[in-house]
Amino acid sequence: MRKIIICFCIFFSLATNAQQSLQVVGRSVVLQDGRTELISPGAHFDIQFSGNQCEIIFSLPDANAHSYVQYELDGRYMGRYRIEVLDTLMIKASKNGIHRARVFKTTEAHSGALYVNQIIGKKVKALPAEKIPVIEFIGNSITCGAAADPSEVPCGTGIYHDQHNAYMAYGPRVARAIGADFVLNSVSGIGIYRTWNKDYPSMPLIYGNMHFKDTDDIPWNPERFHPSVISIALGTNDLSRGDGNSERAPFDSTVFVERYIKFVQIVKRAQPKARIVLLSSGMVSGEHRELLQRCLADVKNAIDLQYPADLQVVIYFFKPMKARGCTGHPNVEDHAILANELIEVFRPLIH
């Protein structure tokens, strides 16, 4: 007999019946009809099923859109799958037994919602999130894993999120390597005080909105989870020269540092026990690289002075990188390089 589980979940919380609720690690909301909307890149949940297969039925709000998911089965990565407007992800095991699957949203919030409609299988149940340290990665398209994977849709073809791969981005790689979980609060094109080609919005303005939109009327409460470490990697887009069409003022280091300090204060108020890590950008080179590093050093010094009783801010400057992904972004191999730089930076912070 097949058992149908309809998901009733919100971010890191349980519904009345724990056997019939997903615990989503990442941003998510529950719709009035009971479907779960996965929002942030890399948002993921765990389920257990018996036998040798399980079906997860997804839907999208736009009939002309598509999305992507990735999943692990019994701890083994199984790949990246395209999801159409109403689609089923069939998870198949090689033999009968009790199996655990972890399912990830591949794309970011601005690429559109992804709804979990039903989960169908034998003895299906939602599993609680692992009780391991969580790292929150705040950043831009690089942190999202955007433009990193042209293995199925070549660069320059398809639409923007056809090359997204959140699972293989540097943050999730670091987390897996050191035995932690992760949340990606990242948005393509975003910066501390402007975007890559516009003066508005910025991460401090949209961070508190569930869908990372300035018009969003659903707040996101970061106090619902407690990361051990919060990594912030912003500045690449503030330094951008723009698209060549919109007027672009020169980078203002004073505004950048002031806004960055205020954003770190916001984060620390919500998560006072979390260790703060500031990352530079491997995509920024030359004078801009040196300028960004000086600005981040100023932010670190200011925060350390303001919070003398807290552990000091950790700062890391990436080595320069010639990115090999689409539109100047790192590809999945480049993300492995970035992650390898960071593993020993983050390991002592969670242990």
Protein backbone atom coordinates (compact mmCIF):
# COMPACT_ATOMS: atom_id res chain seq x y z
CA MET A 1 0.00 0.00 0.00
CA ARG A 2 1.34 3.40 -0.93
CA LYS A 3 1.25 6.18 1.62
CA ILE A 4 0.92 9.79 0.51
CA ILE A 5 2.60 12.45 2.61
CA ILE A 6 1.51 16.03 2.13
CA CYS A 7 4.16 18.42 3.41
CA PHE A 8 3.29 20.88 6.16
CA CYS A 9 6.51 22.68 7.01
CA ILE A 10 8.04 26.01 7.74
CA PHE A 11 11.64 26.96 8.24
CA PHE A 12 13.12 24.70 10.90
CA SER A 13 9.79 23.92 12.55
CA LEU A 14 7.44 20.98 12.82
CA ALA A 15 3.77 20.59 12.13
CA THR A 16 1.54 18.77 14.62
CA ASN A 17 2.47 15.34 13.29
CA ALA A 18 6.24 15.05 13.00
CA GLN A 19 5.85 12.04 10.71
CA GLN A 20 4.06 14.20 8.15
CA SER A 21 6.22 17.32 8.13
CA LEU A 22 9.35 18.32 6.30
CA GLN A 23 12.12 20.14 8.11
CA VAL A 24 13.52 22.43 5.46
CA VAL A 25 17.02 23.74 5.95
CA GLY A 26 16.83 27.05 4.09
CA ARG A 27 14.09 29.53 3.35
CA SER A 28 10.65 28.05 2.80
CA VAL A 29 6.98 28.74 3.44
CA VAL A 30 3.83 26.67 3.54
CA LEU A 31 1.02 27.64 1.19
CA GLN A 32 -2.62 27.58 2.27
CA ASP A 33 -3.18 24.40 0.26
CA GLY A 34 -0.43 22.61 2.19
CA ARG A 35 2.28 22.66 -0.46
CA THR A 36 5.77 23.64 0.65
CA GLU A 37 7.51 26.39 -1.27
CA LEU A 38 11.29 26.05 -1.44
CA ILE A 39 12.82 29.50 -1.85
CA SER A 40 16.54 29.92 -1.25
CA PRO A 41 19.23 28.19 -3.32
CA GLY A 42 20.23 24.89 -1.78
CA ALA A 43 17.15 24.71 0.46
CA HIS A 44 16.91 21.03 1.36
CA PHE A 45 15.04 18.40 3.33
CA ASP A 46 15.47 14.74 4.30
CA ILE A 47 13.03 11.87 3.92
CA GLN A 48 13.11 8.14 4.59
CA PHE A 49 11.30 5.46 2.63
CA SER A 50 11.10 1.69 2.40
CA GLY A 51 11.43 -0.53 -0.66
CA ASN A 52 13.39 0.62 -3.67
CA GLN A 53 11.71 3.80 -4.88
CA CYS A 54 10.00 7.01 -3.87
CA GLU A 55 8.27 9.76 -5.87
CA ILE A 56 8.37 13.47 -5.11
CA ILE A 57 5.84 15.56 -7.02
CA PHE A 58 6.89 19.16 -7.69
CA SER A 59 5.06 22.06 -9.29
CA LEU A 60 5.87 25.59 -10.45
CA PRO A 61 3.65 28.69 -10.41
CA ASP A 62 4.52 29.61 -14.01
CA ALA A 63 3.38 27.25 -16.78
CA ASN A 64 6.21 28.47 -19.01
CA ALA A 65 8.96 28.06 -16.42
CA HIS A 66 11.21 25.25 -15.27
CA SER A 67 13.49 24.68 -12.30
CA TYR A 68 16.10 22.19 -11.10
CA VAL A 69 16.62 19.90 -8.11
CA GLN A 70 19.50 17.75 -6.92
CA TYR A 71 19.48 14.90 -4.47
CA GLU A 72 21.52 12.46 -2.44
CA LEU A 73 20.46 8.87 -1.82
CA ASP A 74 21.95 7.14 1.22
CA GLY A 75 24.68 9.76 1.30
CA ARG A 76 25.60 9.46 -2.39
CA TYR A 77 25.11 12.39 -4.77
CA MET A 78 22.77 11.34 -7.60
CA GLY A 79 22.74 14.33 -9.93
CA ARG A 80 20.83 17.36 -11.13
CA TYR A 81 17.33 17.12 -12.61
CA ARG A 82 15.15 19.53 -14.55
CA ILE A 83 11.64 20.09 -13.17
CA GLU A 84 8.81 21.23 -15.42
CA VAL A 85 5.55 22.93 -14.36
CA LEU A 86 4.18 19.67 -12.85
CA ASP A 87 6.81 17.01 -12.58
CA THR A 88 7.84 13.93 -10.62
CA LEU A 89 11.30 13.18 -9.32
CA MET A 90 11.63 9.40 -9.19
CA ILE A 91 14.17 8.28 -6.61
CA LYS A 92 15.24 4.70 -7.21
CA ALA A 93 17.51 2.57 -5.05
CA SER A 94 19.44 -0.44 -6.37
CA LYS A 95 17.89 -2.75 -3.79
CA ASN A 96 15.04 -2.98 -1.32
CA GLY A 97 15.53 -1.62 2.16
CA ILE A 98 15.25 1.51 4.27
CA HIS A 99 16.68 4.48 2.39
CA ARG A 100 17.38 8.12 3.16
CA ALA A 101 17.13 10.87 0.54
CA ARG A 102 18.15 14.51 0.82
CA VAL A 103 16.61 16.79 -1.82
CA PHE A 104 17.97 20.23 -2.75
CA LYS A 105 16.58 23.18 -4.67
CA THR A 106 19.25 23.96 -7.26
CA THR A 107 18.17 27.45 -8.27
CA GLU A 108 17.87 30.72 -6.37
CA ALA A 109 14.87 32.69 -5.12
CA HIS A 110 14.72 35.12 -8.04
CA SER A 111 14.57 32.21 -10.48
CA GLY A 112 11.11 31.37 -9.13
CA ALA A 113 9.35 29.23 -6.58
CA LEU A 114 9.54 25.45 -6.44
CA TYR A 115 6.65 23.70 -4.69
CA VAL A 116 6.71 20.27 -3.06
CA ASN A 117 3.21 18.87 -3.66
CA GLN A 118 3.41 15.27 -2.46
CA ILE A 119 5.85 12.57 -1.49
CA ILE A 120 4.72 9.05 -2.36
CA GLY A 121 6.30 5.77 -1.31
CA LYS A 122 6.27 2.93 1.19
CA LYS A 123 6.60 3.94 4.82
CA VAL A 124 7.63 7.44 3.85
CA LYS A 125 8.43 9.81 6.68
CA ALA A 126 10.11 13.16 7.01
CA LEU A 127 13.35 13.14 8.93
CA PRO A 128 14.50 15.86 11.30
CA ALA A 129 17.41 18.04 10.31
CA GLU A 130 20.73 16.66 11.48
CA LYS A 131 21.96 18.05 14.78
CA ILE A 132 25.21 19.37 13.39
CA PRO A 133 26.61 22.91 13.13
CA VAL A 134 25.08 25.15 10.47
CA ILE A 135 26.98 27.68 8.37
CA GLU A 136 25.04 30.54 6.81
CA PHE A 137 26.59 31.75 3.56
CA ILE A 138 25.49 35.26 2.57
CA GLY A 139 26.58 36.37 -0.87
CA ASN A 140 25.89 36.96 -4.53
CA SER A 141 25.69 34.83 -7.68
CA ILE A 142 29.00 33.14 -6.87
CA THR A 143 27.63 31.93 -3.53
CA CYS A 144 24.46 30.77 -5.34
CA GLY A 145 26.46 28.56 -7.68
CA ALA A 146 25.08 30.54 -10.63
CA ALA A 147 26.51 30.07 -14.14
CA ALA A 148 28.66 27.22 -12.84
CA ASP A 149 27.36 24.16 -14.66
CA PRO A 150 27.03 24.22 -18.49
CA SER A 151 27.19 20.43 -18.71
CA GLU A 152 23.59 20.15 -19.95
CA VAL A 153 22.84 23.64 -21.27
CA PRO A 154 25.92 25.34 -22.77
CA CYS A 155 26.88 28.89 -21.80
CA GLY A 156 25.06 31.47 -23.87
CA THR A 157 22.02 29.26 -24.39
CA GLY A 158 18.85 28.63 -22.39
CA ILE A 159 17.94 30.97 -19.54
CA TYR A 160 19.94 32.24 -16.60
CA HIS A 161 19.32 29.46 -14.10
CA ASP A 162 19.95 26.63 -16.59
CA GLN A 163 23.57 26.64 -15.43
CA HIS A 164 22.87 26.97 -11.68
CA ASN A 165 24.33 24.35 -9.38
CA ALA A 166 23.89 25.22 -5.71
CA TYR A 167 25.02 21.80 -4.51
CA MET A 168 28.47 22.23 -6.05
CA ALA A 169 28.95 25.86 -4.91
CA TYR A 170 31.84 26.55 -2.56
CA GLY A 171 29.67 26.96 0.57
CA PRO A 172 27.94 23.57 0.48
CA ARG A 173 31.26 21.95 -0.43
CA VAL A 174 32.92 23.47 2.62
CA ALA A 175 30.04 22.42 4.86
CA ARG A 176 30.10 18.81 3.66
CA ALA A 177 33.88 18.63 4.04
CA ILE A 178 33.85 19.66 7.71
CA GLY A 179 30.67 17.91 8.84
CA ALA A 180 28.35 20.92 8.90
CA ASP A 181 25.04 21.85 7.29
CA PHE A 182 24.46 25.02 5.30
CA VAL A 183 22.01 27.76 4.38
CA LEU A 184 22.60 29.91 1.29
CA ASN A 185 21.16 33.39 1.71
CA SER A 186 22.49 34.65 -1.58
CA VAL A 187 21.19 36.62 -4.55
CA SER A 188 22.68 37.10 -8.00
CA GLY A 189 23.85 40.61 -8.74
CA ILE A 190 23.51 41.86 -5.17
CA GLY A 191 25.95 44.01 -3.24
CA ILE A 192 26.29 45.86 0.04
CA TYR A 193 25.00 49.19 -1.27
CA ARG A 194 24.09 48.55 -4.93
CA THR A 195 23.71 45.79 -7.52
CA TRP A 196 25.95 44.97 -10.44
CA ASN A 197 24.23 47.49 -12.74
CA LYS A 198 21.83 49.52 -10.57
CA ASP A 199 21.89 51.52 -7.35
CA TYR A 200 19.04 49.53 -5.80
CA PRO A 201 18.32 47.23 -4.03
CA SER A 202 21.11 45.96 -1.78
CA MET A 203 21.50 42.93 0.47
CA PRO A 204 20.83 44.89 3.70
CA LEU A 205 17.50 46.06 2.24
CA ILE A 206 16.23 42.63 1.17
CA TYR A 207 17.89 40.25 3.63
CA GLY A 208 14.91 40.38 6.00
CA ASN A 209 12.37 39.61 3.26
CA MET A 210 11.55 35.95 2.69
CA HIS A 211 11.91 36.05 -1.11
CA PHE A 212 14.75 38.59 -1.21
CA LYS A 213 12.47 41.13 -2.90
CA ASP A 214 12.07 44.75 -1.84
CA THR A 215 8.31 44.40 -2.38
CA ASP A 216 8.04 41.19 -0.34
CA ASP A 217 5.43 41.35 2.40
CA ILE A 218 6.55 38.11 4.06
CA PRO A 219 9.33 38.67 6.61
CA TRP A 220 12.09 36.15 7.18
CA ASN A 221 12.94 35.62 10.81
CA PRO A 222 16.62 34.62 11.09
CA GLU A 223 16.10 33.81 14.75
CA ARG A 224 14.37 30.59 13.70
CA PHE A 225 17.76 28.95 13.30
CA HIS A 226 21.13 29.38 14.97
CA PRO A 227 24.16 29.09 12.72
CA SER A 228 27.55 28.53 14.31
CA VAL A 229 29.23 30.60 11.60
CA ILE A 230 27.96 33.32 9.27
CA SER A 231 30.02 33.89 6.15
CA ILE A 232 29.53 37.12 4.18
CA ALA A 233 30.97 37.46 0.67
CA LEU A 234 29.82 40.74 -0.86
CA GLY A 235 31.57 43.46 -2.84
CA THR A 236 32.04 42.02 -6.32
CA ASN A 237 28.88 43.70 -7.59
CA ASP A 238 29.47 46.97 -5.75
CA LEU A 239 32.74 47.21 -7.67
CA SER A 240 31.16 46.24 -10.99
CA ARG A 241 31.49 48.61 -13.92
CA GLY A 242 27.85 47.93 -14.79
CA ASP A 243 26.23 46.92 -18.04
CA GLY A 244 27.47 49.89 -20.08
CA ASN A 245 23.93 51.20 -20.52
CA SER A 246 22.93 52.49 -17.08
CA GLU A 247 24.87 55.36 -15.56
CA ARG A 248 27.38 54.02 -13.05
CA ALA A 249 28.97 56.19 -10.36
CA PRO A 250 32.51 55.34 -9.20
CA PHE A 251 32.77 52.91 -6.30
CA ASP A 252 32.37 54.75 -3.00
CA SER A 253 34.53 53.02 -0.40
CA THR A 254 33.17 55.17 2.45
CA VAL A 255 29.57 54.21 1.73
CA PHE A 256 30.59 50.58 1.20
CA VAL A 257 32.32 50.31 4.57
CA GLU A 258 29.52 52.14 6.43
CA ARG A 259 26.79 49.94 4.93
CA TYR A 260 28.83 46.79 5.49
CA ILE A 261 29.33 47.61 9.17
CA LYS A 262 25.60 48.24 9.60
CA PHE A 263 24.79 44.94 7.89
CA VAL A 264 27.14 43.00 10.15
CA GLN A 265 25.46 44.68 13.11
CA ILE A 266 22.06 43.49 11.84
CA VAL A 267 23.38 39.95 11.50
CA LYS A 268 25.00 39.99 14.93
CA ARG A 269 21.82 41.24 16.61
CA ALA A 270 19.93 38.29 15.16
CA GLN A 271 22.70 35.75 15.82
CA PRO A 272 24.89 37.07 18.67
CA LYS A 273 26.64 33.74 19.21
CA ALA A 274 27.62 33.14 15.59
CA ARG A 275 31.21 33.67 14.45
CA ILE A 276 31.43 36.17 11.58
CA VAL A 277 33.63 35.50 8.55
CA LEU A 278 34.23 38.11 5.85
CA LEU A 279 35.31 36.82 2.44
CA SER A 280 36.77 38.76 -0.46
CA SER A 281 36.26 37.74 -4.09
CA GLY A 282 38.45 35.67 -6.34
CA MET A 283 36.73 37.33 -9.30
CA VAL A 284 38.08 40.80 -8.45
CA SER A 285 41.62 41.58 -9.54
CA GLY A 286 44.16 44.38 -9.69
CA GLU A 287 43.43 47.67 -7.95
CA HIS A 288 39.84 46.62 -7.21
CA ARG A 289 41.08 43.55 -5.38
CA GLU A 290 43.35 45.61 -3.16
CA LEU A 291 40.59 48.16 -2.57
CA LEU A 292 38.09 45.48 -1.55
CA GLN A 293 40.59 43.93 0.84
CA ARG A 294 41.27 47.28 2.50
CA CYS A 295 37.54 47.89 2.89
CA LEU A 296 36.96 44.48 4.46
CA ALA A 297 39.85 45.07 6.85
CA ASP A 298 38.21 48.35 7.89
CA VAL A 299 34.92 46.54 8.50
CA LYS A 300 36.61 43.87 10.59
CA ASN A 301 38.46 46.44 12.69
CA ALA A 302 35.29 48.46 13.31
CA ILE A 303 33.25 45.40 14.36
CA ASP A 304 36.00 44.09 16.62
CA LEU A 305 36.16 47.46 18.37
CA GLN A 306 32.38 47.66 18.76
CA TYR A 307 32.08 44.12 20.18
CA PRO A 308 35.21 43.65 22.33
CA ALA A 309 33.66 40.78 24.31
CA ASP A 310 32.88 38.75 21.17
CA LEU A 311 35.23 36.51 19.25
CA GLN A 312 36.95 38.57 16.60
CA VAL A 313 35.76 38.66 13.01
CA VAL A 314 37.63 36.27 10.74
CA ILE A 315 38.68 37.64 7.38
CA TYR A 316 39.92 35.68 4.35
CA PHE A 317 41.16 36.95 1.01
CA PHE A 318 40.69 34.54 -1.87
CA LYS A 319 43.55 33.96 -4.26
CA PRO A 320 42.96 35.57 -7.68
CA MET A 321 41.12 33.25 -10.05
CA LYS A 322 40.51 33.17 -13.78
CA ALA A 323 36.94 31.87 -13.73
CA ARG A 324 35.97 29.24 -16.29
CA GLY A 325 32.17 29.25 -15.93
CA CYS A 326 29.58 31.25 -17.83
CA THR A 327 29.71 35.07 -17.93
CA GLY A 328 32.87 35.30 -15.85
CA HIS A 329 31.63 33.09 -13.01
CA PRO A 330 33.47 30.15 -11.45
CA ASN A 331 32.45 26.73 -12.77
CA VAL A 332 32.00 23.65 -10.59
CA GLU A 333 35.72 22.88 -10.74
CA ASP A 334 36.54 26.46 -9.74
CA HIS A 335 34.13 26.17 -6.79
CA ALA A 336 36.12 23.13 -5.64
CA ILE A 337 39.24 25.31 -5.64
CA LEU A 338 37.48 28.05 -3.66
CA ALA A 339 36.18 25.47 -1.19
CA ASN A 340 39.62 23.95 -0.70
CA GLU A 341 40.95 27.38 0.25
CA LEU A 342 38.24 27.74 2.88
CA ILE A 343 38.01 24.31 4.48
CA GLU A 344 40.79 24.88 7.01
CA VAL A 345 39.52 28.41 7.65
CA PHE A 346 36.07 27.16 8.68
CA ARG A 347 36.96 23.84 10.31
CA PRO A 348 38.27 25.29 13.61
CA LEU A 349 35.32 27.71 13.76
CA ILE A 350 32.72 24.95 14.15
CA HIS A 351 34.79 22.58 16.30
